[in-house]
PDB file of N, CA and C in Angstrom:
ATOM      1  N   MET A   1     244.696 -68.505 -85.106  1.00  0.00           N
ATOM      2  CA  MET A   1     245.655 -69.975 -85.129  1.00  0.00           C
ATOM      3  C   MET A   1     246.576 -70.164 -83.696  1.00  0.00           C
ATOM      4  N   GLN A   2     246.756 -71.579 -83.902  1.00  0.00           N
ATOM      5  CA  GLN A   2     247.623 -72.104 -82.869  1.00  0.00           C
ATOM      6  C   GLN A   2     248.016 -73.365 -83.353  1.00  0.00           C
ATOM      7  N   LEU A   3     249.386 -73.096 -82.890  1.00  0.00           N
ATOM      8  CA  LEU A   3     250.335 -74.277 -82.858  1.00  0.00           C
ATOM      9  C   LEU A   3     250.085 -75.802 -82.642  1.00  0.00           C
ATOM     10  N   ILE A   4     250.070 -76.451 -83.760  1.00  0.00           N
ATOM     11  CA  ILE A   4     249.957 -77.949 -83.273  1.00  0.00           C
ATOM     12  C   ILE A   4     250.905 -78.494 -83.182  1.00  0.00           C
ATOM     13  N   TYR A   5     252.308 -78.765 -83.459  1.00  0.00           N
ATOM     14  CA  TYR A   5     253.446 -78.992 -83.527  1.00  0.00           C
ATOM     15  C   TYR A   5     254.138 -77.905 -84.444  1.00  0.00           C
ATOM     16  N   PRO A   6     255.539 -77.587 -84.009  1.00  0.00           N
ATOM     17  CA  PRO A   6     255.762 -77.685 -82.652  1.00  0.00           C
ATOM     18  C   PRO A   6     255.456 -76.627 -81.499  1.00  0.00           C
ATOM     19  N   LYS A   7     255.672 -77.590 -80.519  1.00  0.00           N
ATOM     20  CA  LYS A   7     255.023 -76.664 -79.301  1.00  0.00           C
ATOM     21  C   LYS A   7     255.980 -76.933 -78.060  1.00  0.00           C
ATOM     22  N   GLN A   8     255.623 -76.194 -76.902  1.00  0.00           N
ATOM     23  CA  GLN A   8     257.206 -76.243 -75.695  1.00  0.00           C
ATOM     24  C   GLN A   8     256.638 -77.729 -75.450  1.00  0.00           C
ATOM     25  N   PRO A   9     258.201 -78.051 -75.110  1.00  0.00           N
ATOM     26  CA  PRO A   9     259.433 -77.525 -75.411  1.00  0.00           C
ATOM     27  C   PRO A   9     259.658 -77.471 -76.571  1.00  0.00           C
ATOM     28  N   THR A  10     260.946 -77.031 -77.477  1.00  0.00           N
ATOM     29  CA  THR A  10     261.095 -76.640 -78.681  1.00  0.00           C
ATOM     30  C   THR A  10     261.706 -76.919 -79.266  1.00  0.00           C
ATOM     31  N   ARG A  11     262.554 -78.001 -78.488  1.00  0.00           N
ATOM     32  CA  ARG A  11     263.417 -78.849 -79.333  1.00  0.00           C
ATOM     33  C   ARG A  11     262.740 -79.763 -79.648  1.00  0.00           C
ATOM     34  N   ILE A  12     263.038 -79.894 -81.522  1.00  0.00           N
ATOM     35  CA  ILE A  12     263.084 -81.308 -82.055  1.00  0.00           C
ATOM     36  C   ILE A  12     263.865 -82.324 -82.599  1.00  0.00           C
ATOM     37  N   TYR A  13     263.656 -83.297 -82.068  1.00  0.00           N
ATOM     38  CA  TYR A  13     264.607 -84.330 -82.046  1.00  0.00           C
ATOM     39  C   TYR A  13     264.436 -85.078 -83.797  1.00  0.00           C
ATOM     40  N   VAL A  14     265.273 -84.844 -84.898  1.00  0.00           N
ATOM     41  CA  VAL A  14     265.189 -85.101 -86.082  1.00  0.00           C
ATOM     42  C   VAL A  14     266.012 -86.671 -85.598  1.00  0.00           C
ATOM     43  N   PRO A  15     265.109 -87.761 -86.118  1.00  0.00           N
ATOM     44  CA  PRO A  15     266.336 -88.981 -86.545  1.00  0.00           C
ATOM     45  C   PRO A  15     267.117 -88.853 -87.757  1.00  0.00           C
ATOM     46  N   THR A  16     268.081 -89.823 -88.122  1.00  0.00           N
ATOM     47  CA  THR A  16     268.626 -89.745 -89.129  1.00  0.00           C
ATOM     48  C   THR A  16     267.773 -91.473 -90.079  1.00  0.00           C
ATOM     49  N   ASP A  17     267.347 -90.431 -90.995  1.00  0.00           N
ATOM     50  CA  ASP A  17     266.928 -92.047 -92.236  1.00  0.00           C
ATOM     51  C   ASP A  17     268.102 -93.132 -92.084  1.00  0.00           C
ATOM     52  N   LEU A  18     267.725 -94.155 -92.825  1.00  0.00           N
ATOM     53  CA  LEU A  18     268.548 -95.411 -93.418  1.00  0.00           C
ATOM     54  C   LEU A  18     269.634 -94.491 -94.266  1.00  0.00           C
ATOM     55  N   ASP A  19     269.423 -93.674 -95.188  1.00  0.00           N
ATOM     56  CA  ASP A  19     270.048 -93.287 -95.958  1.00  0.00           C
ATOM     57  C   ASP A  19     271.229 -92.269 -95.560  1.00  0.00           C
ATOM     58  N   GLY A  20     271.215 -92.188 -94.019  1.00  0.00           N
ATOM     59  CA  GLY A  20     271.906 -91.248 -93.547  1.00  0.00           C
ATOM     60  C   GLY A  20     271.458 -89.816 -93.588  1.00  0.00           C
ATOM     61  N   LYS A  21     270.393 -89.463 -94.274  1.00  0.00           N
ATOM     62  CA  LYS A  21     269.775 -88.062 -93.964  1.00  0.00           C
ATOM     63  C   LYS A  21     268.501 -87.771 -92.882  1.00  0.00           C
ATOM     64  N   PRO A  22     269.003 -86.732 -92.352  1.00  0.00           N
ATOM     65  CA  PRO A  22     267.875 -86.261 -91.807  1.00  0.00           C
ATOM     66  C   PRO A  22     266.703 -86.509 -92.056  1.00  0.00           C
ATOM     67  N   SER A  23     265.476 -86.971 -91.081  1.00  0.00           N
ATOM     68  CA  SER A  23     264.049 -86.909 -91.949  1.00  0.00           C
ATOM     69  C   SER A  23     263.359 -85.822 -91.610  1.00  0.00           C
ATOM     70  N   ARG A  24     262.235 -85.596 -92.389  1.00  0.00           N
ATOM     71  CA  ARG A  24     261.630 -84.348 -92.700  1.00  0.00           C
ATOM     72  C   ARG A  24     260.445 -84.035 -91.342  1.00  0.00           C
ATOM     73  N   THR A  25     260.109 -83.357 -90.838  1.00  0.00           N
ATOM     74  CA  THR A  25     259.578 -82.715 -89.948  1.00  0.00           C
ATOM     75  C   THR A  25     258.308 -82.167 -90.439  1.00  0.00           C
ATOM     76  N   VAL A  26     257.195 -82.672 -89.510  1.00  0.00           N
ATOM     77  CA  VAL A  26     255.725 -82.277 -90.033  1.00  0.00           C
ATOM     78  C   VAL A  26     255.454 -81.348 -89.060  1.00  0.00           C
ATOM     79  N   PHE A  27     255.628 -79.603 -90.022  1.00  0.00           N
ATOM     80  CA  PHE A  27     254.976 -78.851 -88.647  1.00  0.00           C
ATOM     81  C   PHE A  27     253.523 -78.704 -89.083  1.00  0.00           C
ATOM     82  N   ALA A  28     252.404 -78.312 -87.986  1.00  0.00           N
ATOM     83  CA  ALA A  28     250.962 -78.146 -88.286  1.00  0.00           C
ATOM     84  C   ALA A  28     250.391 -76.967 -87.051  1.00  0.00           C
ATOM     85  N   VAL A  29     249.707 -76.559 -88.016  1.00  0.00           N
ATOM     86  CA  VAL A  29     249.025 -75.357 -87.137  1.00  0.00           C
ATOM     87  C   VAL A  29     247.310 -75.557 -87.545  1.00  0.00           C
ATOM     88  N   ALA A  30     246.433 -75.088 -86.063  1.00  0.00           N
ATOM     89  CA  ALA A  30     244.900 -75.062 -86.509  1.00  0.00           C
ATOM     90  C   ALA A  30     244.628 -73.312 -86.956  1.00  0.00           C
ATOM     91  N   HIS A  31     243.344 -73.416 -87.464  1.00  0.00           N
ATOM     92  CA  HIS A  31     243.019 -71.802 -87.789  1.00  0.00           C
ATOM     93  C   HIS A  31     241.692 -71.871 -87.509  1.00  0.00           C
ATOM     94  N   ARG A  32     241.210 -71.059 -87.104  1.00  0.00           N
ATOM     95  CA  ARG A  32     239.913 -70.922 -86.497  1.00  0.00           C
ATOM     96  C   ARG A  32     239.034 -71.220 -87.684  1.00  0.00           C
ATOM     97  N   LEU A  33     239.419 -70.430 -88.579  1.00  0.00           N
ATOM     98  CA  LEU A  33     238.574 -70.171 -90.321  1.00  0.00           C
ATOM     99  C   LEU A  33     239.474 -71.555 -91.022  1.00  0.00           C
ATOM    100  N   PRO A  34     239.423 -72.661 -91.392  1.00  0.00           N
ATOM    101  CA  PRO A  34     240.085 -73.845 -92.039  1.00  0.00           C
ATOM    102  C   PRO A  34     240.337 -73.078 -93.463  1.00  0.00           C
ATOM    103  N   GLU A  35     239.694 -72.435 -94.169  1.00  0.00           N
ATOM    104  CA  GLU A  35     239.548 -72.229 -95.598  1.00  0.00           C
ATOM    105  C   GLU A  35     240.577 -71.139 -95.700  1.00  0.00           C
ATOM    106  N   SER A  36     241.042 -70.441 -94.429  1.00  0.00           N
ATOM    107  CA  SER A  36     242.653 -69.258 -94.543  1.00  0.00           C
ATOM    108  C   SER A  36     243.385 -69.915 -95.430  1.00  0.00           C
ATOM    109  N   THR A  37     244.322 -68.847 -96.173  1.00  0.00           N
ATOM    110  CA  THR A  37     245.275 -69.229 -96.583  1.00  0.00           C
ATOM    111  C   THR A  37     246.600 -68.948 -95.615  1.00  0.00           C
ATOM    112  N   ILE A  38     247.575 -69.601 -95.122  1.00  0.00           N
ATOM    113  CA  ILE A  38     248.777 -69.145 -93.912  1.00  0.00           C
ATOM    114  C   ILE A  38     250.247 -69.237 -95.271  1.00  0.00           C
ATOM    115  N   TYR A  39     250.785 -68.182 -94.755  1.00  0.00           N
ATOM    116  CA  TYR A  39     252.011 -68.170 -95.521  1.00  0.00           C
ATOM    117  C   TYR A  39     253.168 -68.547 -94.191  1.00  0.00           C
ATOM    118  N   TRP A  40     253.625 -69.483 -94.836  1.00  0.00           N
ATOM    119  CA  TRP A  40     254.985 -70.315 -93.484  1.00  0.00           C
ATOM    120  C   TRP A  40     256.250 -69.010 -94.145  1.00  0.00           C
ATOM    121  N   HIS A  41     256.870 -69.033 -92.917  1.00  0.00           N
ATOM    122  CA  HIS A  41     258.255 -68.510 -92.658  1.00  0.00           C
ATOM    123  C   HIS A  41     258.910 -69.430 -91.834  1.00  0.00           C
ATOM    124  N   ILE A  42     260.509 -69.604 -92.450  1.00  0.00           N
ATOM    125  CA  ILE A  42     261.496 -69.995 -91.084  1.00  0.00           C
ATOM    126  C   ILE A  42     262.634 -68.799 -91.255  1.00  0.00           C
ATOM    127  N   ASP A  43     263.063 -67.870 -90.191  1.00  0.00           N
ATOM    128  CA  ASP A  43     263.932 -67.346 -90.666  1.00  0.00           C
ATOM    129  C   ASP A  43     263.773 -66.375 -90.878  1.00  0.00           C
ATOM    130  N   ASN A  44     262.509 -65.303 -91.254  1.00  0.00           N
ATOM    131  CA  ASN A  44     262.370 -64.793 -92.132  1.00  0.00           C
ATOM    132  C   ASN A  44     262.524 -65.208 -93.620  1.00  0.00           C
ATOM    133  N   GLU A  45     262.316 -66.472 -94.093  1.00  0.00           N
ATOM    134  CA  GLU A  45     262.470 -66.616 -95.431  1.00  0.00           C
ATOM    135  C   GLU A  45     261.239 -67.587 -95.792  1.00  0.00           C
ATOM    136  N   TYR A  46     260.554 -67.091 -96.897  1.00  0.00           N
ATOM    137  CA  TYR A  46     259.453 -67.422 -97.081  1.00  0.00           C
ATOM    138  C   TYR A  46     259.215 -68.900 -97.587  1.00  0.00           C
ATOM    139  N   ILE A  47     258.662 -70.104 -97.048  1.00  0.00           N
ATOM    140  CA  ILE A  47     258.548 -71.178 -97.152  1.00  0.00           C
ATOM    141  C   ILE A  47     257.534 -71.842 -98.495  1.00  0.00           C
ATOM    142  N   GLY A  48     256.445 -71.521 -97.898  1.00  0.00           N
ATOM    143  CA  GLY A  48     255.100 -72.043 -98.745  1.00  0.00           C
ATOM    144  C   GLY A  48     253.764 -71.297 -97.944  1.00  0.00           C
ATOM    145  N   GLN A  49     252.583 -72.211 -98.583  1.00  0.00           N
ATOM    146  CA  GLN A  49     251.665 -71.773 -97.879  1.00  0.00           C
ATOM    147  C   GLN A  49     250.431 -72.557 -97.986  1.00  0.00           C
ATOM    148  N   THR A  50     249.615 -72.400 -96.903  1.00  0.00           N
ATOM    149  CA  THR A  50     248.578 -73.937 -97.173  1.00  0.00           C
ATOM    150  C   THR A  50     247.193 -73.220 -96.881  1.00  0.00           C
ATOM    151  N   ARG A  51     246.278 -74.129 -97.013  1.00  0.00           N
ATOM    152  CA  ARG A  51     245.123 -73.503 -97.239  1.00  0.00           C
ATOM    153  C   ARG A  51     244.140 -74.905 -96.825  1.00  0.00           C
ATOM    154  N   THR A  52     243.432 -74.704 -96.290  1.00  0.00           N
ATOM    155  CA  THR A  52     242.412 -75.933 -95.245  1.00  0.00           C
ATOM    156  C   THR A  52     243.249 -76.827 -94.315  1.00  0.00           C
ATOM    157  N   PHE A  53     244.460 -77.691 -95.305  1.00  0.00           N
ATOM    158  CA  PHE A  53     244.955 -78.526 -94.414  1.00  0.00           C
ATOM    159  C   PHE A  53     246.570 -77.922 -94.061  1.00  0.00           C
ATOM    160  N   HIS A  54     246.520 -77.439 -92.747  1.00  0.00           N
ATOM    161  CA  HIS A  54     247.724 -76.316 -92.656  1.00  0.00           C
ATOM    162  C   HIS A  54     248.999 -76.951 -92.037  1.00  0.00           C
ATOM    163  N   SER A  55     249.307 -77.801 -92.589  1.00  0.00           N
ATOM    164  CA  SER A  55     250.887 -79.023 -92.476  1.00  0.00           C
ATOM    165  C   SER A  55     251.414 -78.917 -93.273  1.00  0.00           C
ATOM    166  N   ILE A  56     252.836 -78.937 -93.174  1.00  0.00           N
ATOM    167  CA  ILE A  56     253.859 -78.715 -93.721  1.00  0.00           C
ATOM    168  C   ILE A  56     255.372 -79.440 -93.528  1.00  0.00           C
ATOM    169  N   GLU A  57     255.838 -80.033 -94.436  1.00  0.00           N
ATOM    170  CA  GLU A  57     257.229 -80.932 -94.253  1.00  0.00           C
ATOM    171  C   GLU A  57     258.125 -80.306 -94.295  1.00  0.00           C
ATOM    172  N   LEU A  58     258.878 -80.157 -93.306  1.00  0.00           N
ATOM    173  CA  LEU A  58     260.158 -79.250 -93.678  1.00  0.00           C
ATOM    174  C   LEU A  58     260.832 -79.627 -93.447  1.00  0.00           C
ATOM    175  N   ASN A  59     262.357 -79.558 -93.769  1.00  0.00           N
ATOM    176  CA  ASN A  59     263.612 -80.110 -92.924  1.00  0.00           C
ATOM    177  C   ASN A  59     264.773 -78.866 -92.636  1.00  0.00           C
ATOM    178  N   PRO A  60     264.529 -78.164 -91.612  1.00  0.00           N
ATOM    179  CA  PRO A  60     265.316 -77.211 -91.315  1.00  0.00           C
ATOM    180  C   PRO A  60     266.420 -77.954 -90.726  1.00  0.00           C
ATOM    181  N   PRO A  61     267.920 -76.836 -91.063  1.00  0.00           N
ATOM    182  CA  PRO A  61     269.007 -77.771 -91.005  1.00  0.00           C
ATOM    183  C   PRO A  61     269.153 -77.645 -89.244  1.00  0.00           C
ATOM    184  N   VAL A  62     269.995 -78.095 -88.801  1.00  0.00           N
ATOM    185  CA  VAL A  62     270.452 -78.481 -87.154  1.00  0.00           C
ATOM    186  C   VAL A  62     270.617 -76.798 -86.645  1.00  0.00           C
ATOM    187  N   GLY A  63     270.115 -76.505 -85.484  1.00  0.00           N
ATOM    188  CA  GLY A  63     270.362 -75.047 -84.992  1.00  0.00           C
ATOM    189  C   GLY A  63     269.306 -74.547 -84.145  1.00  0.00           C
ATOM    190  N   LYS A  64     269.215 -73.180 -84.197  1.00  0.00           N
ATOM    191  CA  LYS A  64     267.948 -72.096 -83.759  1.00  0.00           C
ATOM    192  C   LYS A  64     267.411 -71.866 -84.493  1.00  0.00           C
ATOM    193  N   HIS A  65     265.959 -71.926 -84.720  1.00  0.00           N
ATOM    194  CA  HIS A  65     265.430 -71.223 -86.014  1.00  0.00           C
ATOM    195  C   HIS A  65     264.027 -70.311 -85.433  1.00  0.00           C
ATOM    196  N   LEU A  66     263.547 -69.804 -86.309  1.00  0.00           N
ATOM    197  CA  LEU A  66     261.886 -69.066 -86.064  1.00  0.00           C
ATOM    198  C   LEU A  66     261.147 -69.267 -86.677  1.00  0.00           C
ATOM    199  N   LEU A  67     259.644 -69.372 -86.593  1.00  0.00           N
ATOM    200  CA  LEU A  67     258.826 -70.145 -87.454  1.00  0.00           C
ATOM    201  C   LEU A  67     257.766 -69.003 -87.113  1.00  0.00           C
ATOM    202  N   THR A  68     257.258 -68.442 -88.436  1.00  0.00           N
ATOM    203  CA  THR A  68     256.703 -67.116 -88.299  1.00  0.00           C
ATOM    204  C   THR A  68     255.003 -67.549 -89.238  1.00  0.00           C
ATOM    205  N   LEU A  69     254.064 -67.956 -89.201  1.00  0.00           N
ATOM    206  CA  LEU A  69     252.726 -68.007 -89.471  1.00  0.00           C
ATOM    207  C   LEU A  69     252.171 -66.630 -89.602  1.00  0.00           C
ATOM    208  N   VAL A  70     251.304 -66.463 -90.863  1.00  0.00           N
ATOM    209  CA  VAL A  70     250.942 -64.949 -90.919  1.00  0.00           C
ATOM    210  C   VAL A  70     249.359 -65.499 -92.312  1.00  0.00           C
ATOM    211  N   ASP A  71     248.491 -65.193 -91.814  1.00  0.00           N
ATOM    212  CA  ASP A  71     247.681 -65.537 -92.427  1.00  0.00           C
ATOM    213  C   ASP A  71     246.864 -63.882 -93.465  1.00  0.00           C
ATOM    214  N   GLU A  72     246.097 -64.657 -94.366  1.00  0.00           N
ATOM    215  CA  GLU A  72     245.442 -63.319 -95.246  1.00  0.00           C
ATOM    216  C   GLU A  72     245.067 -62.423 -94.490  1.00  0.00           C
ATOM    217  N   ARG A  73     244.793 -62.545 -93.483  1.00  0.00           N
ATOM    218  CA  ARG A  73     243.843 -60.972 -92.716  1.00  0.00           C
ATOM    219  C   ARG A  73     245.084 -60.291 -91.801  1.00  0.00           C
ATOM    220  N   GLY A  74     246.569 -60.807 -92.332  1.00  0.00           N
ATOM    221  CA  GLY A  74     247.770 -60.664 -91.020  1.00  0.00           C
ATOM    222  C   GLY A  74     248.328 -60.695 -90.040  1.00  0.00           C
ATOM    223  N   ASN A  75     246.536 -61.906 -89.707  1.00  0.00           N
ATOM    224  CA  ASN A  75     247.301 -62.387 -87.886  1.00  0.00           C
ATOM    225  C   ASN A  75     249.089 -62.986 -87.757  1.00  0.00           C
ATOM    226  N   ARG A  76     249.637 -63.000 -86.937  1.00  0.00           N
ATOM    227  CA  ARG A  76     250.911 -63.235 -86.946  1.00  0.00           C
ATOM    228  C   ARG A  76     250.894 -64.265 -85.706  1.00  0.00           C
ATOM    229  N   LEU A  77     252.012 -65.486 -85.776  1.00  0.00           N
ATOM    230  CA  LEU A  77     252.223 -66.529 -84.946  1.00  0.00           C
ATOM    231  C   LEU A  77     253.084 -66.432 -85.189  1.00  0.00           C
ATOM    232  N   GLU A  78     254.468 -66.379 -84.496  1.00  0.00           N
ATOM    233  CA  GLU A  78     255.744 -66.573 -84.190  1.00  0.00           C
ATOM    234  C   GLU A  78     256.106 -67.941 -83.299  1.00  0.00           C
ATOM    235  N   GLN A  79     256.643 -68.687 -83.417  1.00  0.00           N
ATOM    236  CA  GLN A  79     257.386 -69.360 -82.700  1.00  0.00           C
ATOM    237  C   GLN A  79     258.543 -70.173 -82.746  1.00  0.00           C
ATOM    238  N   ARG A  80     259.427 -69.831 -81.729  1.00  0.00           N
ATOM    239  CA  ARG A  80     261.153 -70.267 -81.949  1.00  0.00           C
ATOM    240  C   ARG A  80     261.463 -71.589 -82.181  1.00  0.00           C
ATOM    241  N   PHE A  81     262.217 -72.613 -82.418  1.00  0.00           N
ATOM    242  CA  PHE A  81     262.432 -73.897 -82.577  1.00  0.00           C
ATOM    243  C   PHE A  81     263.584 -74.132 -82.560  1.00  0.00           C
ATOM    244  N   GLU A  82     264.339 -75.629 -81.647  1.00  0.00           N
ATOM    245  CA  GLU A  82     265.586 -75.701 -82.417  1.00  0.00           C
ATOM    246  C   GLU A  82     265.393 -77.165 -82.937  1.00  0.00           C
ATOM    247  N   ILE A  83     266.386 -77.447 -84.114  1.00  0.00           N
ATOM    248  CA  ILE A  83     266.484 -79.439 -84.684  1.00  0.00           C
ATOM    249  C   ILE A  83     267.781 -79.579 -83.867  1.00  0.00           C
ATOM    250  N   ILE A  84     267.722 -80.918 -83.551  1.00  0.00           N
ATOM    251  CA  ILE A  84     268.931 -81.845 -83.244  1.00  0.00           C
ATOM    252  C   ILE A  84     268.838 -82.608 -83.927  1.00  0.00           C
ATOM    253  N   VAL A  85     269.619 -83.374 -84.380  1.00  0.00           N
ATOM    254  CA  VAL A  85     269.606 -84.713 -85.141  1.00  0.00           C
ATOM    255  C   VAL A  85     269.901 -85.722 -83.887  1.00  0.00           C
ATOM    256  N   LYS A  86     269.439 -86.794 -83.794  1.00  0.00           N
ATOM    257  CA  LYS A  86     269.657 -87.954 -83.151  1.00  0.00           C
ATOM    258  C   LYS A  86     270.668 -88.790 -83.942  1.00  0.00           C
ATOM    259  N   SER A  87     271.830 -89.220 -84.232  1.00  0.00           N
ATOM    260  CA  SER A  87     272.675 -90.190 -84.848  1.00  0.00           C
ATOM    261  C   SER A  87     272.105 -91.643 -84.210  1.00  0.00           C
ATOM    262  N   GLY A  88     272.926 -92.082 -85.643  1.00  0.00           N
ATOM    263  CA  GLY A  88     272.042 -93.847 -85.018  1.00  0.00           C
ATOM    264  C   GLY A  88     272.387 -94.663 -84.188  1.00  0.00           C
ATOM    265  N   ASN A  89     273.861 -94.128 -84.066  1.00  0.00           N
ATOM    266  CA  ASN A  89     274.255 -94.915 -82.775  1.00  0.00           C
ATOM    267  C   ASN A  89     274.001 -95.143 -81.764  1.00  0.00           C
TER     268      ASN A  89
END
């Protein structure tokens, strides 16, 4: 597995939508065997799984987080990242 987004640096600036809420961020990973199932976790909390197309839209709160990906074979990938919201000012 290899992360497509986020990569280093791991600060993600999230713009604010017109309704005042932060936009969602698309997280993406490539897997040597695309048909594999990947299980997604943020801060040790299960978020969901993907198969074939390994991307997921998330809206983590502002702050530092740990993204953990585990495939069905037990391969593991971890990436720390920080969410920073850009205000419309």
